[in-house]
Amino acid sequence: QFSTFSSFLFAVMGIGLGLWMGSLVIVFDG
């Protein structure tokens, strides 16, 4: 459950920031 919560936070931050910046590697991370 802890891993699920952490994954959710990193996914939202990575995909959101990656799309905003236009960075493939950050989207990859998210």
ModelCIF file with pLDDT and N, C-alpha, C, O atoms, coordinates in Angstrom:
data_MODEL
#
_entry.id   MODEL 
#
_entity.id                         1 
_entity.type                       polymer 
_entity.pdbx_number_of_molecules   1 
#
_entity_poly.entity_id                      1 
_entity_poly.type                           'polypeptide(L)' 
_entity_poly.nstd_linkage                   no 
_entity_poly.nstd_monomer                   no 
_entity_poly.pdbx_seq_one_letter_code       QFSTFSSFLFAVMGIGLGLWMGSLVIVFDG 
_entity_poly.pdbx_seq_one_letter_code_can   QFSTFSSFLFAVMGIGLGLWMGSLVIVFDG 
_entity_poly.pdbx_strand_id                 A 
#
loop_
_entity_poly_seq.entity_id 
_entity_poly_seq.num 
_entity_poly_seq.mon_id 
_entity_poly_seq.hetero 
1 1  GLN n 
1 2  PHE n 
1 3  SER n 
1 4  THR n 
1 5  PHE n 
1 6  SER n 
1 7  SER n 
1 8  PHE n 
1 9  LEU n 
1 10 PHE n 
1 11 ALA n 
1 12 VAL n 
1 13 MET n 
1 14 GLY n 
1 15 ILE n 
1 16 GLY n 
1 17 LEU n 
1 18 GLY n 
1 19 LEU n 
1 20 TRP n 
1 21 MET n 
1 22 GLY n 
1 23 SER n 
1 24 LEU n 
1 25 VAL n 
1 26 ILE n 
1 27 VAL n 
1 28 PHE n 
1 29 ASP n 
1 30 GLY n 
#
_struct_asym.id          A 
_struct_asym.entity_id   1 
#
loop_
_ma_qa_metric.id 
_ma_qa_metric.mode 
_ma_qa_metric.name 
_ma_qa_metric.software_group_id 
_ma_qa_metric.type 
1 global pLDDT . pLDDT 
2 local  pLDDT . pLDDT 
#
_ma_qa_metric_global.metric_id      1 
_ma_qa_metric_global.metric_value   80.03 
_ma_qa_metric_global.model_id       1 
_ma_qa_metric_global.ordinal_id     1 
#
loop_
_ma_qa_metric_local.label_asym_id 
_ma_qa_metric_local.label_comp_id 
_ma_qa_metric_local.label_seq_id 
_ma_qa_metric_local.metric_id 
_ma_qa_metric_local.metric_value 
_ma_qa_metric_local.model_id 
_ma_qa_metric_local.ordinal_id 
A GLN 1  2 81.00 1 1  
A PHE 2  2 86.00 1 2  
A SER 3  2 82.00 1 3  
A THR 4  2 81.00 1 4  
A PHE 5  2 85.00 1 5  
A SER 6  2 83.00 1 6  
A SER 7  2 79.00 1 7  
A PHE 8  2 84.00 1 8  
A LEU 9  2 85.00 1 9  
A PHE 10 2 80.00 1 10 
A ALA 11 2 82.00 1 11 
A VAL 12 2 86.00 1 12 
A MET 13 2 83.00 1 13 
A GLY 14 2 81.00 1 14 
A ILE 15 2 83.00 1 15 
A GLY 16 2 84.00 1 16 
A LEU 17 2 81.00 1 17 
A GLY 18 2 79.00 1 18 
A LEU 19 2 82.00 1 19 
A TRP 20 2 83.00 1 20 
A MET 21 2 76.00 1 21 
A GLY 22 2 75.00 1 22 
A SER 23 2 75.00 1 23 
A LEU 24 2 74.00 1 24 
A VAL 25 2 72.00 1 25 
A ILE 26 2 76.00 1 26 
A VAL 27 2 78.00 1 27 
A PHE 28 2 74.00 1 28 
A ASP 29 2 73.00 1 29 
A GLY 30 2 78.00 1 30 
#
loop_
_atom_site.group_PDB 
_atom_site.id 
_atom_site.type_symbol 
_atom_site.label_atom_id 
_atom_site.label_alt_id 
_atom_site.label_comp_id 
_atom_site.label_asym_id 
_atom_site.label_entity_id 
_atom_site.label_seq_id 
_atom_site.pdbx_PDB_ins_code 
_atom_site.Cartn_x 
_atom_site.Cartn_y 
_atom_site.Cartn_z 
_atom_site.occupancy 
_atom_site.B_iso_or_equiv 
_atom_site.pdbx_formal_charge 
_atom_site.auth_seq_id 
_atom_site.auth_comp_id 
_atom_site.auth_asym_id 
_atom_site.auth_atom_id 
_atom_site.pdbx_PDB_model_num 
ATOM 1   N N  . GLN A 1 1  ? 0.834  -1.206 0.000   1.00 81.00 ? 1  GLN A N  1 
ATOM 2   C CA . GLN A 1 1  ? 0.000  0.000  0.000   1.00 81.00 ? 1  GLN A CA 1 
ATOM 3   C C  . GLN A 1 1  ? 0.867  1.254  0.000   1.00 81.00 ? 1  GLN A C  1 
ATOM 4   O O  . GLN A 1 1  ? 0.560  2.229  -0.687  1.00 81.00 ? 1  GLN A O  1 
ATOM 5   N N  . PHE A 1 2  ? 1.944  1.226  0.767   1.00 86.00 ? 2  PHE A N  1 
ATOM 6   C CA . PHE A 1 2  ? 2.885  2.354  0.806   1.00 86.00 ? 2  PHE A CA 1 
ATOM 7   C C  . PHE A 1 2  ? 3.512  2.566  -0.571  1.00 86.00 ? 2  PHE A C  1 
ATOM 8   O O  . PHE A 1 2  ? 3.653  3.701  -1.027  1.00 86.00 ? 2  PHE A O  1 
ATOM 9   N N  . SER A 1 3  ? 3.887  1.468  -1.230  1.00 82.00 ? 3  SER A N  1 
ATOM 10  C CA . SER A 1 3  ? 4.471  1.552  -2.565  1.00 82.00 ? 3  SER A CA 1 
ATOM 11  C C  . SER A 1 3  ? 3.461  2.112  -3.570  1.00 82.00 ? 3  SER A C  1 
ATOM 12  O O  . SER A 1 3  ? 3.828  2.872  -4.466  1.00 82.00 ? 3  SER A O  1 
ATOM 13  N N  . THR A 1 4  ? 2.194  1.734  -3.417  1.00 81.00 ? 4  THR A N  1 
ATOM 14  C CA . THR A 1 4  ? 1.133  2.240  -4.290  1.00 81.00 ? 4  THR A CA 1 
ATOM 15  C C  . THR A 1 4  ? 0.994  3.751  -4.167  1.00 81.00 ? 4  THR A C  1 
ATOM 16  O O  . THR A 1 4  ? 0.909  4.457  -5.172  1.00 81.00 ? 4  THR A O  1 
ATOM 17  N N  . PHE A 1 5  ? 0.971  4.240  -2.944  1.00 85.00 ? 5  PHE A N  1 
ATOM 18  C CA . PHE A 1 5  ? 0.840  5.676  -2.694  1.00 85.00 ? 5  PHE A CA 1 
ATOM 19  C C  . PHE A 1 5  ? 2.028  6.443  -3.260  1.00 85.00 ? 5  PHE A C  1 
ATOM 20  O O  . PHE A 1 5  ? 1.852  7.491  -3.880  1.00 85.00 ? 5  PHE A O  1 
ATOM 21  N N  . SER A 1 6  ? 3.236  5.924  -3.049  1.00 83.00 ? 6  SER A N  1 
ATOM 22  C CA . SER A 1 6  ? 4.444  6.586  -3.553  1.00 83.00 ? 6  SER A CA 1 
ATOM 23  C C  . SER A 1 6  ? 4.460  6.604  -5.077  1.00 83.00 ? 6  SER A C  1 
ATOM 24  O O  . SER A 1 6  ? 4.819  7.612  -5.686  1.00 83.00 ? 6  SER A O  1 
ATOM 25  N N  . SER A 1 7  ? 4.073  5.489  -5.692  1.00 79.00 ? 7  SER A N  1 
ATOM 26  C CA . SER A 1 7  ? 4.036  5.418  -7.157  1.00 79.00 ? 7  SER A CA 1 
ATOM 27  C C  . SER A 1 7  ? 3.061  6.437  -7.729  1.00 79.00 ? 7  SER A C  1 
ATOM 28  O O  . SER A 1 7  ? 3.336  7.060  -8.755  1.00 79.00 ? 7  SER A O  1 
ATOM 29  N N  . PHE A 1 8  ? 1.928  6.606  -7.068  1.00 84.00 ? 8  PHE A N  1 
ATOM 30  C CA . PHE A 1 8  ? 0.918  7.557  -7.529  1.00 84.00 ? 8  PHE A CA 1 
ATOM 31  C C  . PHE A 1 8  ? 1.474  8.981  -7.524  1.00 84.00 ? 8  PHE A C  1 
ATOM 32  O O  . PHE A 1 8  ? 1.283  9.726  -8.485  1.00 84.00 ? 8  PHE A O  1 
ATOM 33  N N  . LEU A 1 9  ? 2.164  9.362  -6.438  1.00 85.00 ? 9  LEU A N  1 
ATOM 34  C CA . LEU A 1 9  ? 2.729  10.707 -6.338  1.00 85.00 ? 9  LEU A CA 1 
ATOM 35  C C  . LEU A 1 9  ? 3.769  10.959 -7.430  1.00 85.00 ? 9  LEU A C  1 
ATOM 36  O O  . LEU A 1 9  ? 3.751  12.003 -8.081  1.00 85.00 ? 9  LEU A O  1 
ATOM 37  N N  . PHE A 1 10 ? 4.679  9.995  -7.627  1.00 80.00 ? 10 PHE A N  1 
ATOM 38  C CA . PHE A 1 10 ? 5.734  10.163 -8.628  1.00 80.00 ? 10 PHE A CA 1 
ATOM 39  C C  . PHE A 1 10 ? 5.161  10.142 -10.043 1.00 80.00 ? 10 PHE A C  1 
ATOM 40  O O  . PHE A 1 10 ? 5.656  10.843 -10.926 1.00 80.00 ? 10 PHE A O  1 
ATOM 41  N N  . ALA A 1 11 ? 4.121  9.340  -10.256 1.00 82.00 ? 11 ALA A N  1 
ATOM 42  C CA . ALA A 1 11 ? 3.516  9.266  -11.589 1.00 82.00 ? 11 ALA A CA 1 
ATOM 43  C C  . ALA A 1 11 ? 2.879  10.598 -11.973 1.00 82.00 ? 11 ALA A C  1 
ATOM 44  O O  . ALA A 1 11 ? 3.095  11.102 -13.075 1.00 82.00 ? 11 ALA A O  1 
ATOM 45  N N  . VAL A 1 12 ? 2.097  11.159 -11.061 1.00 86.00 ? 12 VAL A N  1 
ATOM 46  C CA . VAL A 1 12 ? 1.429  12.440 -11.330 1.00 86.00 ? 12 VAL A CA 1 
ATOM 47  C C  . VAL A 1 12 ? 2.458  13.542 -11.551 1.00 86.00 ? 12 VAL A C  1 
ATOM 48  O O  . VAL A 1 12 ? 2.333  14.337 -12.482 1.00 86.00 ? 12 VAL A O  1 
ATOM 49  N N  . MET A 1 13 ? 3.477  13.586 -10.694 1.00 83.00 ? 13 MET A N  1 
ATOM 50  C CA . MET A 1 13 ? 4.500  14.629 -10.812 1.00 83.00 ? 13 MET A CA 1 
ATOM 51  C C  . MET A 1 13 ? 5.313  14.469 -12.093 1.00 83.00 ? 13 MET A C  1 
ATOM 52  O O  . MET A 1 13 ? 5.559  15.448 -12.798 1.00 83.00 ? 13 MET A O  1 
ATOM 53  N N  . GLY A 1 14 ? 5.732  13.239 -12.400 1.00 81.00 ? 14 GLY A N  1 
ATOM 54  C CA . GLY A 1 14 ? 6.573  13.011 -13.564 1.00 81.00 ? 14 GLY A CA 1 
ATOM 55  C C  . GLY A 1 14 ? 5.864  13.253 -14.886 1.00 81.00 ? 14 GLY A C  1 
ATOM 56  O O  . GLY A 1 14 ? 6.376  13.969 -15.746 1.00 81.00 ? 14 GLY A O  1 
ATOM 57  N N  . ILE A 1 15 ? 4.681  12.656 -15.053 1.00 83.00 ? 15 ILE A N  1 
ATOM 58  C CA . ILE A 1 15 ? 3.950  12.813 -16.313 1.00 83.00 ? 15 ILE A CA 1 
ATOM 59  C C  . ILE A 1 15 ? 3.501  14.263 -16.507 1.00 83.00 ? 15 ILE A C  1 
ATOM 60  O O  . ILE A 1 15 ? 3.618  14.813 -17.602 1.00 83.00 ? 15 ILE A O  1 
ATOM 61  N N  . GLY A 1 16 ? 2.988  14.878 -15.436 1.00 84.00 ? 16 GLY A N  1 
ATOM 62  C CA . GLY A 1 16 ? 2.525  16.264 -15.534 1.00 84.00 ? 16 GLY A CA 1 
ATOM 63  C C  . GLY A 1 16 ? 3.645  17.223 -15.887 1.00 84.00 ? 16 GLY A C  1 
ATOM 64  O O  . GLY A 1 16 ? 3.508  18.038 -16.801 1.00 84.00 ? 16 GLY A O  1 
ATOM 65  N N  . LEU A 1 17 ? 4.760  17.128 -15.161 1.00 81.00 ? 17 LEU A N  1 
ATOM 66  C CA . LEU A 1 17 ? 5.889  18.025 -15.410 1.00 81.00 ? 17 LEU A CA 1 
ATOM 67  C C  . LEU A 1 17 ? 6.546  17.710 -16.750 1.00 81.00 ? 17 LEU A C  1 
ATOM 68  O O  . LEU A 1 17 ? 6.971  18.619 -17.462 1.00 81.00 ? 17 LEU A O  1 
ATOM 69  N N  . GLY A 1 18 ? 6.631  16.431 -17.093 1.00 79.00 ? 18 GLY A N  1 
ATOM 70  C CA . GLY A 1 18 ? 7.260  16.041 -18.351 1.00 79.00 ? 18 GLY A CA 1 
ATOM 71  C C  . GLY A 1 18 ? 6.504  16.558 -19.564 1.00 79.00 ? 18 GLY A C  1 
ATOM 72  O O  . GLY A 1 18 ? 7.110  17.044 -20.518 1.00 79.00 ? 18 GLY A O  1 
ATOM 73  N N  . LEU A 1 19 ? 5.166  16.454 -19.529 1.00 82.00 ? 19 LEU A N  1 
ATOM 74  C CA . LEU A 1 19 ? 4.355  16.957 -20.638 1.00 82.00 ? 19 LEU A CA 1 
ATOM 75  C C  . LEU A 1 19 ? 4.436  18.481 -20.727 1.00 82.00 ? 19 LEU A C  1 
ATOM 76  O O  . LEU A 1 19 ? 4.484  19.043 -21.821 1.00 82.00 ? 19 LEU A O  1 
ATOM 77  N N  . TRP A 1 20 ? 4.451  19.141 -19.577 1.00 83.00 ? 20 TRP A N  1 
ATOM 78  C CA . TRP A 1 20 ? 4.519  20.607 -19.548 1.00 83.00 ? 20 TRP A CA 1 
ATOM 79  C C  . TRP A 1 20 ? 5.846  21.104 -20.111 1.00 83.00 ? 20 TRP A C  1 
ATOM 80  O O  . TRP A 1 20 ? 5.887  22.107 -20.823 1.00 83.00 ? 20 TRP A O  1 
ATOM 81  N N  . MET A 1 21 ? 6.941  20.394 -19.786 1.00 76.00 ? 21 MET A N  1 
ATOM 82  C CA . MET A 1 21 ? 8.269  20.799 -20.238 1.00 76.00 ? 21 MET A CA 1 
ATOM 83  C C  . MET A 1 21 ? 8.604  20.235 -21.616 1.00 76.00 ? 21 MET A C  1 
ATOM 84  O O  . MET A 1 21 ? 9.550  20.692 -22.257 1.00 76.00 ? 21 MET A O  1 
ATOM 85  N N  . GLY A 1 22 ? 7.840  19.252 -22.074 1.00 75.00 ? 22 GLY A N  1 
ATOM 86  C CA . GLY A 1 22 ? 8.149  18.610 -23.346 1.00 75.00 ? 22 GLY A CA 1 
ATOM 87  C C  . GLY A 1 22 ? 9.349  17.692 -23.268 1.00 75.00 ? 22 GLY A C  1 
ATOM 88  O O  . GLY A 1 22 ? 10.087 17.540 -24.242 1.00 75.00 ? 22 GLY A O  1 
ATOM 89  N N  . SER A 1 23 ? 9.550  17.070 -22.092 1.00 75.00 ? 23 SER A N  1 
ATOM 90  C CA . SER A 1 23 ? 10.705 16.196 -21.888 1.00 75.00 ? 23 SER A CA 1 
ATOM 91  C C  . SER A 1 23 ? 10.295 14.727 -21.959 1.00 75.00 ? 23 SER A C  1 
ATOM 92  O O  . SER A 1 23 ? 9.470  14.262 -21.172 1.00 75.00 ? 23 SER A O  1 
ATOM 93  N N  . LEU A 1 24 ? 10.882 14.004 -22.913 1.00 74.00 ? 24 LEU A N  1 
ATOM 94  C CA . LEU A 1 24 ? 10.583 12.581 -23.056 1.00 74.00 ? 24 LEU A CA 1 
ATOM 95  C C  . LEU A 1 24 ? 11.053 11.776 -21.851 1.00 74.00 ? 24 LEU A C  1 
ATOM 96  O O  . LEU A 1 24 ? 10.344 10.889 -21.376 1.00 74.00 ? 24 LEU A O  1 
ATOM 97  N N  . VAL A 1 25 ? 12.248 12.085 -21.357 1.00 72.00 ? 25 VAL A N  1 
ATOM 98  C CA . VAL A 1 25 ? 12.812 11.275 -20.283 1.00 72.00 ? 25 VAL A CA 1 
ATOM 99  C C  . VAL A 1 25 ? 12.049 11.463 -18.975 1.00 72.00 ? 25 VAL A C  1 
ATOM 100 O O  . VAL A 1 25 ? 11.930 10.518 -18.194 1.00 72.00 ? 25 VAL A O  1 
ATOM 101 N N  . ILE A 1 26 ? 11.532 12.662 -18.722 1.00 76.00 ? 26 ILE A N  1 
ATOM 102 C CA . ILE A 1 26 ? 10.740 12.878 -17.514 1.00 76.00 ? 26 ILE A CA 1 
ATOM 103 C C  . ILE A 1 26 ? 9.380  12.192 -17.643 1.00 76.00 ? 26 ILE A C  1 
ATOM 104 O O  . ILE A 1 26 ? 8.867  11.629 -16.675 1.00 76.00 ? 26 ILE A O  1 
ATOM 105 N N  . VAL A 1 27 ? 8.796  12.242 -18.854 1.00 78.00 ? 27 VAL A N  1 
ATOM 106 C CA . VAL A 1 27 ? 7.555  11.489 -19.091 1.00 78.00 ? 27 VAL A CA 1 
ATOM 107 C C  . VAL A 1 27 ? 7.816  9.992  -18.918 1.00 78.00 ? 27 VAL A C  1 
ATOM 108 O O  . VAL A 1 27 ? 6.985  9.274  -18.361 1.00 78.00 ? 27 VAL A O  1 
ATOM 109 N N  . PHE A 1 28 ? 8.977  9.521  -19.398 1.00 74.00 ? 28 PHE A N  1 
ATOM 110 C CA . PHE A 1 28 ? 9.375  8.119  -19.241 1.00 74.00 ? 28 PHE A CA 1 
ATOM 111 C C  . PHE A 1 28 ? 9.434  7.749  -17.756 1.00 74.00 ? 28 PHE A C  1 
ATOM 112 O O  . PHE A 1 28 ? 8.940  6.700  -17.341 1.00 74.00 ? 28 PHE A O  1 
ATOM 113 N N  . ASP A 1 29 ? 10.040 8.620  -16.982 1.00 73.00 ? 29 ASP A N  1 
ATOM 114 C CA . ASP A 1 29 ? 10.141 8.394  -15.533 1.00 73.00 ? 29 ASP A CA 1 
ATOM 115 C C  . ASP A 1 29 ? 8.757  8.340  -14.902 1.00 73.00 ? 29 ASP A C  1 
ATOM 116 O O  . ASP A 1 29 ? 8.464  7.445  -14.109 1.00 73.00 ? 29 ASP A O  1 
ATOM 117 N N  . GLY A 1 30 ? 7.896  9.312  -15.259 1.00 78.00 ? 30 GLY A N  1 
ATOM 118 C CA . GLY A 1 30 ? 6.549  9.333  -14.706 1.00 78.00 ? 30 GLY A CA 1 
ATOM 119 C C  . GLY A 1 30 ? 5.713  8.150  -15.161 1.00 78.00 ? 30 GLY A C  1 
ATOM 120 O O  . GLY A 1 30 ? 4.550  8.031  -14.776 1.00 78.00 ? 30 GLY A O  1 
#
